[in-house]
Amino acid sequence: MKQAEKVLNTALNGLDLIGYRLDQFGITDKVNRHNALAFLFAEQQRLKGELDSLNVKVMARKAQLDRLRRQFEQQTRSSLNGLLEPFKSTLTRLQDQRSSNAS
């Protein structure tokens, strides 16, 4: 038997003993390894649910940020194209004049 299993069995036996003594004194009969393990399992499931909820929130925020980044890139491209359009048309006109003068 591994050391961890020995420690766990000792702890569970101690928990059962405490529960037995509490039951003998008429305090409670709810302290035992089964109730402790059920509690731990329920807490584990609750924590898994919380983690899933956090993952959904993170993914939603990531999608939102990705969408905002794409919108920003599109607006930047549109603005740059709008600013460069007069220069492009002037350059095209100058190139056309140069080629017509060369002929």
PDB file of N, CA and C in Angstrom:
ATOM      1  N   MET A   1       0.849  -1.176   0.000  1.00  0.00           N
ATOM      2  CA  MET A   1       0.000   0.000   0.000  1.00  0.00           C
ATOM      3  C   MET A   1       0.898   1.244   0.000  1.00  0.00           C
ATOM      4  N   LYS A   2       0.531   2.204  -0.795  1.00  0.00           N
ATOM      5  CA  LYS A   2       1.318   3.430  -0.882  1.00  0.00           C
ATOM      6  C   LYS A   2       1.141   4.275   0.375  1.00  0.00           C
ATOM      7  N   GLN A   3       2.111   5.147   0.575  1.00  0.00           N
ATOM      8  CA  GLN A   3       2.097   6.010   1.762  1.00  0.00           C
ATOM      9  C   GLN A   3       0.851   6.905   1.771  1.00  0.00           C
ATOM     10  N   ALA A   4       0.482   7.465   0.607  1.00  0.00           N
ATOM     11  CA  ALA A   4      -0.679   8.358   0.541  1.00  0.00           C
ATOM     12  C   ALA A   4      -1.954   7.613   0.914  1.00  0.00           C
ATOM     13  N   GLU A   5      -2.076   6.364   0.471  1.00  0.00           N
ATOM     14  CA  GLU A   5      -3.270   5.576   0.803  1.00  0.00           C
ATOM     15  C   GLU A   5      -3.328   5.286   2.303  1.00  0.00           C
ATOM     16  N   LYS A   6      -2.172   5.022   2.911  1.00  0.00           N
ATOM     17  CA  LYS A   6      -2.136   4.783   4.352  1.00  0.00           C
ATOM     18  C   LYS A   6      -2.593   6.016   5.119  1.00  0.00           C
ATOM     19  N   VAL A   7      -2.086   7.165   4.699  1.00  0.00           N
ATOM     20  CA  VAL A   7      -2.463   8.419   5.364  1.00  0.00           C
ATOM     21  C   VAL A   7      -3.957   8.675   5.198  1.00  0.00           C
ATOM     22  N   LEU A   8      -4.463   8.446   3.985  1.00  0.00           N
ATOM     23  CA  LEU A   8      -5.892   8.660   3.724  1.00  0.00           C
ATOM     24  C   LEU A   8      -6.742   7.720   4.568  1.00  0.00           C
ATOM     25  N   ASN A   9      -6.372   6.444   4.622  1.00  0.00           N
ATOM     26  CA  ASN A   9      -7.138   5.490   5.432  1.00  0.00           C
ATOM     27  C   ASN A   9      -7.094   5.847   6.909  1.00  0.00           C
ATOM     28  N   THR A  10      -5.938   6.299   7.392  1.00  0.00           N
ATOM     29  CA  THR A  10      -5.832   6.720   8.790  1.00  0.00           C
ATOM     30  C   THR A  10      -6.753   7.905   9.058  1.00  0.00           C
ATOM     31  N   ALA A  11      -6.762   8.870   8.135  1.00  0.00           N
ATOM     32  CA  ALA A  11      -7.620  10.048   8.301  1.00  0.00           C
ATOM     33  C   ALA A  11      -9.094   9.652   8.271  1.00  0.00           C
ATOM     34  N   LEU A  12      -9.472   8.775   7.358  1.00  0.00           N
ATOM     35  CA  LEU A  12     -10.880   8.345   7.267  1.00  0.00           C
ATOM     36  C   LEU A  12     -11.280   7.538   8.497  1.00  0.00           C
ATOM     37  N   ASN A  13     -10.386   6.693   8.985  1.00  0.00           N
ATOM     38  CA  ASN A  13     -10.688   5.936  10.210  1.00  0.00           C
ATOM     39  C   ASN A  13     -10.852   6.887  11.389  1.00  0.00           C
ATOM     40  N   GLY A  14     -10.006   7.908  11.449  1.00  0.00           N
ATOM     41  CA  GLY A  14     -10.142   8.914  12.510  1.00  0.00           C
ATOM     42  C   GLY A  14     -11.460   9.656  12.404  1.00  0.00           C
ATOM     43  N   LEU A  15     -11.861   9.982  11.191  1.00  0.00           N
ATOM     44  CA  LEU A  15     -13.135  10.663  10.977  1.00  0.00           C
ATOM     45  C   LEU A  15     -14.299   9.777  11.420  1.00  0.00           C
ATOM     46  N   ASP A  16     -14.216   8.493  11.083  1.00  0.00           N
ATOM     47  CA  ASP A  16     -15.269   7.564  11.515  1.00  0.00           C
ATOM     48  C   ASP A  16     -15.325   7.461  13.037  1.00  0.00           C
ATOM     49  N   LEU A  17     -14.155   7.449  13.674  1.00  0.00           N
ATOM     50  CA  LEU A  17     -14.100   7.368  15.139  1.00  0.00           C
ATOM     51  C   LEU A  17     -14.727   8.609  15.766  1.00  0.00           C
ATOM     52  N   ILE A  18     -14.383   9.766  15.231  1.00  0.00           N
ATOM     53  CA  ILE A  18     -14.983  11.008  15.741  1.00  0.00           C
ATOM     54  C   ILE A  18     -16.502  10.971  15.569  1.00  0.00           C
ATOM     55  N   GLY A  19     -16.952  10.535  14.395  1.00  0.00           N
ATOM     56  CA  GLY A  19     -18.388  10.430  14.159  1.00  0.00           C
ATOM     57  C   GLY A  19     -19.054   9.463  15.115  1.00  0.00           C
ATOM     58  N   TYR A  20     -18.399   8.328  15.381  1.00  0.00           N
ATOM     59  CA  TYR A  20     -18.939   7.326  16.312  1.00  0.00           C
ATOM     60  C   TYR A  20     -19.071   7.910  17.714  1.00  0.00           C
ATOM     61  N   ARG A  21     -18.041   8.637  18.135  1.00  0.00           N
ATOM     62  CA  ARG A  21     -18.075   9.245  19.486  1.00  0.00           C
ATOM     63  C   ARG A  21     -19.170  10.320  19.572  1.00  0.00           C
ATOM     64  N   LEU A  22     -19.275  11.137  18.534  1.00  0.00           N
ATOM     65  CA  LEU A  22     -20.333  12.163  18.537  1.00  0.00           C
ATOM     66  C   LEU A  22     -21.713  11.516  18.576  1.00  0.00           C
ATOM     67  N   ASP A  23     -21.857  10.417  17.874  1.00  0.00           N
ATOM     68  CA  ASP A  23     -23.135   9.697  17.885  1.00  0.00           C
ATOM     69  C   ASP A  23     -23.404   9.104  19.267  1.00  0.00           C
ATOM     70  N   GLN A  24     -22.371   8.580  19.913  1.00  0.00           N
ATOM     71  CA  GLN A  24     -22.529   8.021  21.261  1.00  0.00           C
ATOM     72  C   GLN A  24     -22.985   9.091  22.259  1.00  0.00           C
ATOM     73  N   PHE A  25     -22.471  10.305  22.103  1.00  0.00           N
ATOM     74  CA  PHE A  25     -22.857  11.393  22.997  1.00  0.00           C
ATOM     75  C   PHE A  25     -24.194  12.004  22.611  1.00  0.00           C
ATOM     76  N   GLY A  26     -24.785  11.560  21.520  1.00  0.00           N
ATOM     77  CA  GLY A  26     -26.077  12.063  21.084  1.00  0.00           C
ATOM     78  C   GLY A  26     -26.014  13.422  20.413  1.00  0.00           C
ATOM     79  N   ILE A  27     -24.829  13.823  19.962  1.00  0.00           N
ATOM     80  CA  ILE A  27     -24.672  15.140  19.336  1.00  0.00           C
ATOM     81  C   ILE A  27     -25.129  15.094  17.888  1.00  0.00           C
ATOM     82  N   THR A  28     -24.554  14.178  17.107  1.00  0.00           N
ATOM     83  CA  THR A  28     -24.950  14.038  15.703  1.00  0.00           C
ATOM     84  C   THR A  28     -24.501  12.681  15.180  1.00  0.00           C
ATOM     85  N   ASP A  29     -25.241  12.219  14.190  1.00  0.00           N
ATOM     86  CA  ASP A  29     -24.840  10.965  13.549  1.00  0.00           C
ATOM     87  C   ASP A  29     -24.426  11.215  12.092  1.00  0.00           C
ATOM     88  N   LYS A  30     -24.144  12.469  11.774  1.00  0.00           N
ATOM     89  CA  LYS A  30     -23.849  12.868  10.397  1.00  0.00           C
ATOM     90  C   LYS A  30     -22.356  12.919  10.064  1.00  0.00           C
ATOM     91  N   VAL A  31     -21.488  12.700  11.047  1.00  0.00           N
ATOM     92  CA  VAL A  31     -20.053  12.787  10.794  1.00  0.00           C
ATOM     93  C   VAL A  31     -19.519  11.383  10.513  1.00  0.00           C
ATOM     94  N   ASN A  32     -19.210  11.157   9.228  1.00  0.00           N
ATOM     95  CA  ASN A  32     -18.589   9.896   8.832  1.00  0.00           C
ATOM     96  C   ASN A  32     -17.921  10.078   7.470  1.00  0.00           C
ATOM     97  N   ARG A  33     -17.193   9.076   7.039  1.00  0.00           N
ATOM     98  CA  ARG A  33     -16.444   9.183   5.793  1.00  0.00           C
ATOM     99  C   ARG A  33     -17.373   9.347   4.589  1.00  0.00           C
ATOM    100  N   HIS A  34     -18.539   8.753   4.648  1.00  0.00           N
ATOM    101  CA  HIS A  34     -19.457   8.828   3.504  1.00  0.00           C
ATOM    102  C   HIS A  34     -19.982  10.251   3.306  1.00  0.00           C
ATOM    103  N   ASN A  35     -20.375  10.869   4.398  1.00  0.00           N
ATOM    104  CA  ASN A  35     -20.856  12.252   4.302  1.00  0.00           C
ATOM    105  C   ASN A  35     -19.727  13.209   3.924  1.00  0.00           C
ATOM    106  N   ALA A  36     -18.539  12.956   4.456  1.00  0.00           N
ATOM    107  CA  ALA A  36     -17.394  13.807   4.110  1.00  0.00           C
ATOM    108  C   ALA A  36     -17.060  13.686   2.627  1.00  0.00           C
ATOM    109  N   LEU A  37     -17.042  12.465   2.112  1.00  0.00           N
ATOM    110  CA  LEU A  37     -16.752  12.262   0.694  1.00  0.00           C
ATOM    111  C   LEU A  37     -17.861  12.831  -0.191  1.00  0.00           C
ATOM    112  N   ALA A  38     -19.103  12.702   0.259  1.00  0.00           N
ATOM    113  CA  ALA A  38     -20.213  13.284  -0.510  1.00  0.00           C
ATOM    114  C   ALA A  38     -20.072  14.802  -0.556  1.00  0.00           C
ATOM    115  N   PHE A  39     -19.706  15.400   0.567  1.00  0.00           N
ATOM    116  CA  PHE A  39     -19.499  16.847   0.608  1.00  0.00           C
ATOM    117  C   PHE A  39     -18.365  17.260  -0.330  1.00  0.00           C
ATOM    118  N   LEU A  40     -17.242  16.530  -0.271  1.00  0.00           N
ATOM    119  CA  LEU A  40     -16.109  16.851  -1.138  1.00  0.00           C
ATOM    120  C   LEU A  40     -16.475  16.695  -2.609  1.00  0.00           C
ATOM    121  N   PHE A  41     -17.232  15.659  -2.942  1.00  0.00           N
ATOM    122  CA  PHE A  41     -17.647  15.460  -4.326  1.00  0.00           C
ATOM    123  C   PHE A  41     -18.563  16.596  -4.781  1.00  0.00           C
ATOM    124  N   ALA A  42     -19.493  16.987  -3.920  1.00  0.00           N
ATOM    125  CA  ALA A  42     -20.402  18.093  -4.268  1.00  0.00           C
ATOM    126  C   ALA A  42     -19.616  19.389  -4.477  1.00  0.00           C
ATOM    127  N   GLU A  43     -18.634  19.640  -3.622  1.00  0.00           N
ATOM    128  CA  GLU A  43     -17.803  20.841  -3.778  1.00  0.00           C
ATOM    129  C   GLU A  43     -16.979  20.777  -5.060  1.00  0.00           C
ATOM    130  N   GLN A  44     -16.488  19.582  -5.380  1.00  0.00           N
ATOM    131  CA  GLN A  44     -15.721  19.416  -6.618  1.00  0.00           C
ATOM    132  C   GLN A  44     -16.596  19.745  -7.817  1.00  0.00           C
ATOM    133  N   GLN A  45     -17.830  19.259  -7.809  1.00  0.00           N
ATOM    134  CA  GLN A  45     -18.747  19.528  -8.913  1.00  0.00           C
ATOM    135  C   GLN A  45     -19.104  21.015  -8.995  1.00  0.00           C
ATOM    136  N   ARG A  46     -19.287  21.638  -7.842  1.00  0.00           N
ATOM    137  CA  ARG A  46     -19.581  23.069  -7.816  1.00  0.00           C
ATOM    138  C   ARG A  46     -18.418  23.870  -8.402  1.00  0.00           C
ATOM    139  N   LEU A  47     -17.198  23.488  -8.025  1.00  0.00           N
ATOM    140  CA  LEU A  47     -16.025  24.180  -8.546  1.00  0.00           C
ATOM    141  C   LEU A  47     -15.859  23.960 -10.052  1.00  0.00           C
ATOM    142  N   LYS A  48     -16.186  22.764 -10.513  1.00  0.00           N
ATOM    143  CA  LYS A  48     -16.149  22.510 -11.962  1.00  0.00           C
ATOM    144  C   LYS A  48     -17.142  23.421 -12.681  1.00  0.00           C
ATOM    145  N   GLY A  49     -18.315  23.572 -12.108  1.00  0.00           N
ATOM    146  CA  GLY A  49     -19.323  24.463 -12.689  1.00  0.00           C
ATOM    147  C   GLY A  49     -18.851  25.905 -12.718  1.00  0.00           C
ATOM    148  N   GLU A  50     -18.231  26.336 -11.637  1.00  0.00           N
ATOM    149  CA  GLU A  50     -17.699  27.707 -11.592  1.00  0.00           C
ATOM    150  C   GLU A  50     -16.616  27.906 -12.644  1.00  0.00           C
ATOM    151  N   LEU A  51     -15.754  26.906 -12.794  1.00  0.00           N
ATOM    152  CA  LEU A  51     -14.683  26.981 -13.789  1.00  0.00           C
ATOM    153  C   LEU A  51     -15.263  27.030 -15.202  1.00  0.00           C
ATOM    154  N   ASP A  52     -16.276  26.216 -15.453  1.00  0.00           N
ATOM    155  CA  ASP A  52     -16.932  26.249 -16.766  1.00  0.00           C
ATOM    156  C   ASP A  52     -17.540  27.624 -17.027  1.00  0.00           C
ATOM    157  N   SER A  53     -18.165  28.189 -16.014  1.00  0.00           N
ATOM    158  CA  SER A  53     -18.768  29.511 -16.151  1.00  0.00           C
ATOM    159  C   SER A  53     -17.708  30.559 -16.468  1.00  0.00           C
ATOM    160  N   LEU A  54     -16.586  30.497 -15.780  1.00  0.00           N
ATOM    161  CA  LEU A  54     -15.498  31.438 -16.044  1.00  0.00           C
ATOM    162  C   LEU A  54     -14.934  31.252 -17.457  1.00  0.00           C
ATOM    163  N   ASN A  55     -14.820  30.005 -17.893  1.00  0.00           N
ATOM    164  CA  ASN A  55     -14.328  29.745 -19.255  1.00  0.00           C
ATOM    165  C   ASN A  55     -15.256  30.337 -20.305  1.00  0.00           C
ATOM    166  N   VAL A  56     -16.554  30.228 -20.079  1.00  0.00           N
ATOM    167  CA  VAL A  56     -17.520  30.804 -21.020  1.00  0.00           C
ATOM    168  C   VAL A  56     -17.367  32.324 -21.060  1.00  0.00           C
ATOM    169  N   LYS A  57     -17.210  32.940 -19.893  1.00  0.00           N
ATOM    170  CA  LYS A  57     -17.031  34.399 -19.846  1.00  0.00           C
ATOM    171  C   LYS A  57     -15.759  34.827 -20.556  1.00  0.00           C
ATOM    172  N   VAL A  58     -14.680  34.075 -20.360  1.00  0.00           N
ATOM    173  CA  VAL A  58     -13.408  34.406 -21.012  1.00  0.00           C
ATOM    174  C   VAL A  58     -13.543  34.274 -22.527  1.00  0.00           C
ATOM    175  N   MET A  59     -14.171  33.210 -22.982  1.00  0.00           N
ATOM    176  CA  MET A  59     -14.335  33.002 -24.426  1.00  0.00           C
ATOM    177  C   MET A  59     -15.225  34.089 -25.035  1.00  0.00           C
ATOM    178  N   ALA A  60     -16.260  34.491 -24.324  1.00  0.00           N
ATOM    179  CA  ALA A  60     -17.136  35.555 -24.821  1.00  0.00           C
ATOM    180  C   ALA A  60     -16.368  36.870 -24.923  1.00  0.00           C
ATOM    181  N   ARG A  61     -15.562  37.173 -23.914  1.00  0.00           N
ATOM    182  CA  ARG A  61     -14.765  38.413 -23.935  1.00  0.00           C
ATOM    183  C   ARG A  61     -13.733  38.355 -25.060  1.00  0.00           C
ATOM    184  N   LYS A  62     -13.151  37.187 -25.258  1.00  0.00           N
ATOM    185  CA  LYS A  62     -12.163  37.025 -26.333  1.00  0.00           C
ATOM    186  C   LYS A  62     -12.829  37.255 -27.691  1.00  0.00           C
ATOM    187  N   ALA A  63     -14.018  36.715 -27.883  1.00  0.00           N
ATOM    188  CA  ALA A  63     -14.740  36.917 -29.143  1.00  0.00           C
ATOM    189  C   ALA A  63     -15.081  38.391 -29.332  1.00  0.00           C
ATOM    190  N   GLN A  64     -15.483  39.049 -28.249  1.00  0.00           N
ATOM    191  CA  GLN A  64     -15.806  40.474 -28.328  1.00  0.00           C
ATOM    192  C   GLN A  64     -14.565  41.289 -28.716  1.00  0.00           C
ATOM    193  N   LEU A  65     -13.438  41.001 -28.096  1.00  0.00           N
ATOM    194  CA  LEU A  65     -12.207  41.720 -28.412  1.00  0.00           C
ATOM    195  C   LEU A  65     -11.750  41.447 -29.841  1.00  0.00           C
ATOM    196  N   ASP A  66     -11.921  40.223 -30.288  1.00  0.00           N
ATOM    197  CA  ASP A  66     -11.566  39.871 -31.666  1.00  0.00           C
ATOM    198  C   ASP A  66     -12.433  40.654 -32.656  1.00  0.00           C
ATOM    199  N   ARG A  67     -13.716  40.747 -32.355  1.00  0.00           N
ATOM    200  CA  ARG A  67     -14.642  41.502 -33.217  1.00  0.00           C
ATOM    201  C   ARG A  67     -14.261  42.986 -33.247  1.00  0.00           C
ATOM    202  N   LEU A  68     -13.928  43.545 -32.093  1.00  0.00           N
ATOM    203  CA  LEU A  68     -13.518  44.954 -32.027  1.00  0.00           C
ATOM    204  C   LEU A  68     -12.222  45.196 -32.796  1.00  0.00           C
ATOM    205  N   ARG A  69     -11.290  44.253 -32.704  1.00  0.00           N
ATOM    206  CA  ARG A  69     -10.034  44.384 -33.444  1.00  0.00           C
ATOM    207  C   ARG A  69     -10.280  44.387 -34.952  1.00  0.00           C
ATOM    208  N   ARG A  70     -11.149  43.484 -35.413  1.00  0.00           N
ATOM    209  CA  ARG A  70     -11.466  43.445 -36.851  1.00  0.00           C
ATOM    210  C   ARG A  70     -12.146  44.735 -37.296  1.00  0.00           C
ATOM    211  N   GLN A  71     -13.058  45.263 -36.489  1.00  0.00           N
ATOM    212  CA  GLN A  71     -13.720  46.526 -36.829  1.00  0.00           C
ATOM    213  C   GLN A  71     -12.711  47.665 -36.892  1.00  0.00           C
ATOM    214  N   PHE A  72     -11.793  47.701 -35.942  1.00  0.00           N
ATOM    215  CA  PHE A  72     -10.776  48.736 -35.919  1.00  0.00           C
ATOM    216  C   PHE A  72      -9.895  48.648 -37.166  1.00  0.00           C
ATOM    217  N   GLU A  73      -9.493  47.428 -37.524  1.00  0.00           N
ATOM    218  CA  GLU A  73      -8.666  47.253 -38.721  1.00  0.00           C
ATOM    219  C   GLU A  73      -9.410  47.712 -39.979  1.00  0.00           C
ATOM    220  N   GLN A  74     -10.685  47.374 -40.078  1.00  0.00           N
ATOM    221  CA  GLN A  74     -11.476  47.785 -41.250  1.00  0.00           C
ATOM    222  C   GLN A  74     -11.600  49.302 -41.320  1.00  0.00           C
ATOM    223  N   GLN A  75     -11.867  49.924 -40.179  1.00  0.00           N
ATOM    224  CA  GLN A  75     -11.996  51.384 -40.160  1.00  0.00           C
ATOM    225  C   GLN A  75     -10.670  52.051 -40.489  1.00  0.00           C
ATOM    226  N   THR A  76      -9.589  51.486 -40.005  1.00  0.00           N
ATOM    227  CA  THR A  76      -8.262  52.045 -40.290  1.00  0.00           C
ATOM    228  C   THR A  76      -7.956  51.952 -41.781  1.00  0.00           C
ATOM    229  N   ARG A  77      -8.249  50.787 -42.359  1.00  0.00           N
ATOM    230  CA  ARG A  77      -8.020  50.633 -43.803  1.00  0.00           C
ATOM    231  C   ARG A  77      -8.870  51.620 -44.603  1.00  0.00           C
ATOM    232  N   SER A  78     -10.130  51.759 -44.237  1.00  0.00           N
ATOM    233  CA  SER A  78     -11.017  52.684 -44.944  1.00  0.00           C
ATOM    234  C   SER A  78     -10.508  54.115 -44.836  1.00  0.00           C
ATOM    235  N   SER A  79     -10.094  54.485 -43.632  1.00  0.00           N
ATOM    236  CA  SER A  79      -9.583  55.851 -43.431  1.00  0.00           C
ATOM    237  C   SER A  79      -8.311  56.089 -44.233  1.00  0.00           C
ATOM    238  N   LEU A  80      -7.414  55.126 -44.218  1.00  0.00           N
ATOM    239  CA  LEU A  80      -6.180  55.276 -44.984  1.00  0.00           C
ATOM    240  C   LEU A  80      -6.457  55.356 -46.482  1.00  0.00           C
ATOM    241  N   ASN A  81      -7.367  54.507 -46.948  1.00  0.00           N
ATOM    242  CA  ASN A  81      -7.717  54.557 -48.372  1.00  0.00           C
ATOM    243  C   ASN A  81      -8.343  55.897 -48.727  1.00  0.00           C
ATOM    244  N   GLY A  82      -9.165  56.422 -47.831  1.00  0.00           N
ATOM    245  CA  GLY A  82      -9.779  57.729 -48.067  1.00  0.00           C
ATOM    246  C   GLY A  82      -8.741  58.846 -48.107  1.00  0.00           C
ATOM    247  N   LEU A  83      -7.745  58.745 -47.231  1.00  0.00           N
ATOM    248  CA  LEU A  83      -6.688  59.758 -47.204  1.00  0.00           C
ATOM    249  C   LEU A  83      -5.747  59.640 -48.404  1.00  0.00           C
ATOM    250  N   LEU A  84      -5.510  58.443 -48.864  1.00  0.00           N
ATOM    251  CA  LEU A  84      -4.572  58.232 -49.958  1.00  0.00           C
ATOM    252  C   LEU A  84      -5.198  58.394 -51.337  1.00  0.00           C
ATOM    253  N   GLU A  85      -6.506  58.369 -51.418  1.00  0.00           N
ATOM    254  CA  GLU A  85      -7.180  58.440 -52.723  1.00  0.00           C
ATOM    255  C   GLU A  85      -6.805  59.693 -53.524  1.00  0.00           C
ATOM    256  N   PRO A  86      -6.787  60.895 -52.933  1.00  0.00           N
ATOM    257  CA  PRO A  86      -6.382  62.072 -53.711  1.00  0.00           C
ATOM    258  C   PRO A  86      -4.951  61.941 -54.243  1.00  0.00           C
ATOM    259  N   PHE A  87      -4.068  61.393 -53.442  1.00  0.00           N
ATOM    260  CA  PHE A  87      -2.689  61.215 -53.894  1.00  0.00           C
ATOM    261  C   PHE A  87      -2.612  60.201 -55.024  1.00  0.00           C
ATOM    262  N   LYS A  88      -3.385  59.145 -54.932  1.00  0.00           N
ATOM    263  CA  LYS A  88      -3.398  58.125 -55.990  1.00  0.00           C
ATOM    264  C   LYS A  88      -3.909  58.716 -57.303  1.00  0.00           C
ATOM    265  N   SER A  89      -4.997  59.471 -57.204  1.00  0.00           N
ATOM    266  CA  SER A  89      -5.559  60.044 -58.440  1.00  0.00           C
ATOM    267  C   SER A  89      -4.604  61.080 -59.042  1.00  0.00           C
ATOM    268  N   THR A  90      -3.945  61.862 -58.179  1.00  0.00           N
ATOM    269  CA  THR A  90      -2.960  62.833 -58.673  1.00  0.00           C
ATOM    270  C   THR A  90      -1.796  62.109 -59.327  1.00  0.00           C
ATOM    271  N   LEU A  91      -1.321  61.073 -58.724  1.00  0.00           N
ATOM    272  CA  LEU A  91      -0.216  60.296 -59.273  1.00  0.00           C
ATOM    273  C   LEU A  91      -0.615  59.675 -60.608  1.00  0.00           C
ATOM    274  N   THR A  92      -1.812  59.132 -60.680  1.00  0.00           N
ATOM    275  CA  THR A  92      -2.298  58.540 -61.939  1.00  0.00           C
ATOM    276  C   THR A  92      -2.394  59.605 -63.017  1.00  0.00           C
ATOM    277  N   ARG A  93      -2.926  60.776 -62.678  1.00  0.00           N
ATOM    278  CA  ARG A  93      -3.066  61.871 -63.647  1.00  0.00           C
ATOM    279  C   ARG A  93      -1.682  62.318 -64.139  1.00  0.00           C
ATOM    280  N   LEU A  94      -0.715  62.435 -63.215  1.00  0.00           N
ATOM    281  CA  LEU A  94       0.633  62.839 -63.602  1.00  0.00           C
ATOM    282  C   LEU A  94       1.293  61.789 -64.499  1.00  0.00           C
ATOM    283  N   GLN A  95       1.056  60.520 -64.173  1.00  0.00           N
ATOM    284  CA  GLN A  95       1.623  59.456 -65.015  1.00  0.00           C
ATOM    285  C   GLN A  95       0.989  59.472 -66.404  1.00  0.00           C
ATOM    286  N   ASP A  96      -0.303  59.718 -66.455  1.00  0.00           N
ATOM    287  CA  ASP A  96      -0.990  59.794 -67.763  1.00  0.00           C
ATOM    288  C   ASP A  96      -0.463  60.982 -68.569  1.00  0.00           C
ATOM    289  N   GLN A  97      -0.268  62.135 -67.920  1.00  0.00           N
ATOM    290  CA  GLN A  97       0.262  63.313 -68.613  1.00  0.00           C
ATOM    291  C   GLN A  97       1.684  63.043 -69.107  1.00  0.00           C
ATOM    292  N   ARG A  98       2.464  62.410 -68.318  1.00  0.00           N
ATOM    293  CA  ARG A  98       3.843  62.111 -68.695  1.00  0.00           C
ATOM    294  C   ARG A  98       3.905  61.161 -69.884  1.00  0.00           C
ATOM    295  N   SER A  99       3.041  60.170 -69.861  1.00  0.00           N
ATOM    296  CA  SER A  99       3.050  59.237 -70.988  1.00  0.00           C
ATOM    297  C   SER A  99       2.490  59.872 -72.244  1.00  0.00           C
ATOM    298  N   SER A 100       1.534  60.810 -72.104  1.00  0.00           N
ATOM    299  CA  SER A 100       1.006  61.496 -73.294  1.00  0.00           C
ATOM    300  C   SER A 100       2.023  62.508 -73.829  1.00  0.00           C
ATOM    301  N   ASN A 101       2.809  63.144 -72.961  1.00  0.00           N
ATOM    302  CA  ASN A 101       3.860  64.064 -73.398  1.00  0.00           C
ATOM    303  C   ASN A 101       5.011  63.315 -74.056  1.00  0.00           C
ATOM    304  N   ALA A 102       5.255  62.119 -73.641  1.00  0.00           N
ATOM    305  CA  ALA A 102       6.361  61.344 -74.210  1.00  0.00           C
ATOM    306  C   ALA A 102       6.003  60.856 -75.604  1.00  0.00           C
ATOM    307  N   SER A 103       4.731  60.752 -75.904  1.00  0.00           N
ATOM    308  CA  SER A 103       4.340  60.249 -77.229  1.00  0.00           C
ATOM    309  C   SER A 103       4.473  61.236 -78.316  1.00  0.00           C
TER     310      SER A 103
END
